[in-house]
Amino acid sequence: MPYPIIEDVTFFHEDFGIKKLCFAQYENCRFENCNFEGQNLSQFRFLNCEFLRCNLSLTDMQNVTLQGDIFKECKMLGMRFDLCNPFNLSFTFHNCLLDHSSFYKTVVKKTIFQTCELKEVDFEQCNLTQSVFDNCNLLHSKFFQSILEKVDFRSAYNYTIDPDNNKLKKAKFSLVGVPGLLEKYDININ
């Protein structure tokens, strides 16, 4: 069954809990100040869309296609990106609240996280090669058997990453972030 295609449409101040979003493939669309909280977006497709100041918390993301999407100033608590369609999964986050979300086993190379709250996020077995965590709070986020090669953590903070259980080749860290790499050794660094 072909998807209806909706292109180049801007949605302002829509509450999709009241008025459901039409099941479709959205291309180059803009969603501004929209509420998706708790909605079922299963099987929807979003290609090169922009979400600005939207609430997507606890949205059902089962097999959702996200390709080239940009999220700015969005509230995205408990998002399950690990349930999205893995084909060409790609996005960028600017000033977003992503606490308690999951990227478990996803391949999201070259992802930009800029000034985001990423507390208690699951990045286990995730491939984040060449991604950037610019000024991001990673408090209690989980990195285990993750591919973090060439990832830029220089301005990230509150992270704990075990170098023995993650691939870190050519990853970038600042000197102030070194304790987050050595936490398991229970040593004091002054």
Protein backbone atom coordinates (compact mmCIF):
# COMPACT_ATOMS: atom_id res chain seq x y z
CA MET A 1 0.00 0.00 0.00
CA PRO A 2 1.60 3.30 -1.06
CA TYR A 3 1.88 6.08 1.48
CA PRO A 4 0.11 9.35 0.81
CA ILE A 5 2.86 11.97 0.51
CA ILE A 6 2.63 15.35 2.20
CA GLU A 7 5.35 17.78 1.12
CA ASP A 8 6.47 21.26 2.15
CA VAL A 9 3.68 21.84 4.67
CA THR A 10 4.10 23.77 7.92
CA PHE A 11 2.07 22.76 10.98
CA PHE A 12 1.71 25.44 13.71
CA HIS A 13 0.47 24.86 17.27
CA GLU A 14 -1.22 21.55 16.47
CA ASP A 15 -2.22 19.23 19.32
CA PHE A 16 -2.15 15.79 17.73
CA GLY A 17 -3.71 14.33 20.87
CA ILE A 18 -6.91 16.14 19.87
CA LYS A 19 -6.62 16.18 16.09
CA LYS A 20 -4.72 13.11 14.86
CA LEU A 21 -1.89 13.54 12.40
CA CYS A 22 -2.79 12.00 9.05
CA PHE A 23 -0.95 8.73 8.40
CA ALA A 24 1.49 9.59 5.60
CA GLN A 25 5.00 10.18 4.42
CA TYR A 26 6.02 13.73 5.33
CA GLU A 27 8.77 15.31 3.24
CA ASN A 28 10.39 18.68 3.93
CA CYS A 29 7.63 19.55 6.39
CA ARG A 30 7.95 21.79 9.44
CA PHE A 31 6.24 21.13 12.77
CA GLU A 32 6.33 24.14 15.09
CA ASN A 33 5.03 24.14 18.68
CA CYS A 34 3.16 20.89 18.09
CA ASN A 35 2.19 18.31 20.68
CA PHE A 36 2.74 14.63 19.81
CA GLU A 37 3.01 13.45 23.43
CA GLY A 38 2.04 9.80 23.82
CA GLN A 39 0.81 9.52 20.23
CA ASN A 40 1.20 6.46 18.04
CA LEU A 41 3.38 7.32 15.04
CA SER A 42 4.00 3.69 14.08
CA GLN A 43 4.89 3.28 10.41
CA PHE A 44 4.88 7.07 9.73
CA ARG A 45 7.70 8.44 7.57
CA PHE A 46 9.45 11.76 8.16
CA LEU A 47 12.04 12.72 5.55
CA ASN A 48 14.04 15.95 5.94
CA CYS A 49 11.47 17.41 8.33
CA GLU A 50 12.08 20.01 11.03
CA PHE A 51 10.52 19.85 14.49
CA LEU A 52 10.75 23.12 16.42
CA ARG A 53 9.65 23.42 20.07
CA CYS A 54 7.55 20.25 19.86
CA ASN A 55 6.67 17.77 22.60
CA LEU A 56 7.31 14.22 21.38
CA SER A 57 7.64 12.60 24.80
CA LEU A 58 6.64 8.94 25.06
CA THR A 59 5.63 8.83 21.39
CA ASP A 60 5.25 5.31 19.95
CA MET A 61 8.07 5.09 17.40
CA GLN A 62 7.56 1.49 16.22
CA ASN A 63 9.00 1.30 12.69
CA VAL A 64 8.90 5.08 12.18
CA THR A 65 11.17 6.28 9.39
CA LEU A 66 13.37 9.23 10.38
CA GLN A 67 15.78 10.36 7.68
CA GLY A 68 17.57 13.69 7.75
CA ASP A 69 15.24 15.18 10.35
CA ILE A 70 16.15 18.11 12.61
CA PHE A 71 14.83 18.53 16.15
CA LYS A 72 15.25 21.94 17.79
CA GLU A 73 14.22 22.84 21.34
CA CYS A 74 12.05 19.74 21.58
CA LYS A 75 10.94 17.81 24.64
CA MET A 76 11.56 14.14 23.83
CA LEU A 77 11.47 12.24 27.13
CA GLY A 78 11.48 8.44 26.94
CA MET A 79 11.85 8.26 23.16
CA ARG A 80 12.54 4.76 21.77
CA PHE A 81 14.72 5.44 18.73
CA ASP A 82 15.72 1.77 18.93
CA LEU A 83 12.24 0.90 17.63
CA CYS A 84 12.52 3.13 14.54
CA ASN A 85 13.04 1.80 11.05
CA PRO A 86 16.83 1.33 10.98
CA PHE A 87 17.19 2.06 7.25
CA ASN A 88 19.08 5.37 6.85
CA LEU A 89 18.10 6.40 10.40
CA SER A 90 19.49 9.95 10.71
CA PHE A 91 18.73 13.11 12.63
CA THR A 92 20.20 16.11 14.42
CA PHE A 93 19.30 17.49 17.85
CA HIS A 94 19.71 21.10 19.01
CA ASN A 95 18.77 22.19 22.55
CA CYS A 96 16.59 19.12 23.11
CA LEU A 97 15.55 17.31 26.27
CA LEU A 98 16.13 13.60 25.56
CA ASP A 99 16.31 12.14 29.09
CA HIS A 100 15.44 8.44 29.51
CA SER A 101 15.52 7.80 25.75
CA SER A 102 16.98 4.74 24.02
CA PHE A 103 19.34 4.40 21.07
CA TYR A 104 20.04 0.74 21.93
CA LYS A 105 21.72 -1.09 19.02
CA THR A 106 21.02 1.75 16.56
CA VAL A 107 23.43 2.88 13.84
CA VAL A 108 23.37 6.66 14.03
CA LYS A 109 26.73 7.72 12.65
CA LYS A 110 27.58 11.43 12.38
CA THR A 111 24.70 12.47 14.65
CA ILE A 112 24.94 15.97 16.12
CA PHE A 113 23.74 16.47 19.68
CA GLN A 114 24.12 20.16 20.49
CA THR A 115 23.36 21.54 23.96
CA CYS A 116 21.12 18.58 24.83
CA GLU A 117 20.09 16.97 28.09
CA LEU A 118 20.80 13.25 27.68
CA LYS A 119 20.43 11.98 31.23
CA GLU A 120 19.98 8.22 31.67
CA VAL A 121 19.98 7.59 27.91
CA ASP A 122 20.74 4.09 26.66
CA PHE A 123 23.53 4.10 24.05
CA GLU A 124 24.42 0.42 24.61
CA GLN A 125 25.70 -1.34 21.48
CA CYS A 126 25.03 1.83 19.51
CA ASN A 127 27.22 2.88 16.59
CA LEU A 128 27.85 6.61 17.04
CA THR A 129 30.94 6.84 14.80
CA GLN A 130 31.89 10.48 14.08
CA SER A 131 29.02 11.86 16.16
CA VAL A 132 29.34 15.04 18.22
CA PHE A 133 28.14 15.68 21.78
CA ASP A 134 28.53 19.46 21.95
CA ASN A 135 27.85 20.85 25.43
CA CYS A 136 25.66 17.86 26.37
CA ASN A 137 24.83 16.48 29.81
CA LEU A 138 25.30 12.68 29.74
CA LEU A 139 24.66 12.01 33.43
CA HIS A 140 24.05 8.28 34.04
CA SER A 141 23.86 7.54 30.31
CA LYS A 142 24.92 4.00 29.40
CA PHE A 143 27.70 3.23 26.96
CA PHE A 144 28.48 -0.49 26.73
CA GLN A 145 29.89 -2.26 23.69
CA SER A 146 29.25 0.96 21.82
CA ILE A 147 31.20 2.12 18.79
CA LEU A 148 32.42 5.60 19.72
CA GLU A 149 35.19 5.94 17.16
CA LYS A 150 35.98 9.54 16.23
CA VAL A 151 33.15 10.78 18.50
CA ASP A 152 33.70 14.29 19.88
CA PHE A 153 33.06 14.43 23.64
CA ARG A 154 35.30 17.48 24.26
CA SER A 155 32.54 19.73 25.60
CA ALA A 156 30.24 16.97 26.92
CA TYR A 157 30.05 16.47 30.68
CA ASN A 158 28.91 14.04 33.40
CA TYR A 159 29.65 10.98 31.27
CA THR A 160 31.08 7.67 32.40
CA ILE A 161 32.58 5.54 29.63
CA ASP A 162 34.57 2.36 30.19
CA PRO A 163 37.38 2.27 27.58
CA ASP A 164 37.64 -1.52 27.99
CA ASN A 165 34.00 -2.10 26.99
CA ASN A 166 33.61 0.42 24.16
CA LYS A 167 35.44 1.16 20.92
CA LEU A 168 37.01 4.60 21.37
CA LYS A 169 39.62 4.80 18.61
CA LYS A 170 40.35 8.47 17.81
CA ALA A 171 37.49 9.71 20.03
CA LYS A 172 38.06 13.24 21.35
CA PHE A 173 37.92 14.15 25.04
CA SER A 174 38.88 17.21 27.04
CA LEU A 175 41.21 16.98 30.01
CA VAL A 176 38.31 17.73 32.40
CA GLY A 177 36.45 14.71 31.03
CA VAL A 178 39.21 12.21 31.82
CA PRO A 179 37.71 11.23 35.21
CA GLY A 180 34.65 9.92 33.34
CA LEU A 181 36.95 7.49 31.50
CA LEU A 182 38.72 6.30 34.66
CA GLU A 183 35.80 6.00 37.09
CA LYS A 184 35.90 2.21 37.23
CA TYR A 185 39.43 2.33 38.64
CA ASP A 186 38.28 4.26 41.75
CA ILE A 187 41.30 6.57 41.68
CA ASN A 188 41.62 10.20 42.73
CA ILE A 189 42.62 12.72 40.09
CA ASN A 190 43.69 16.22 41.16
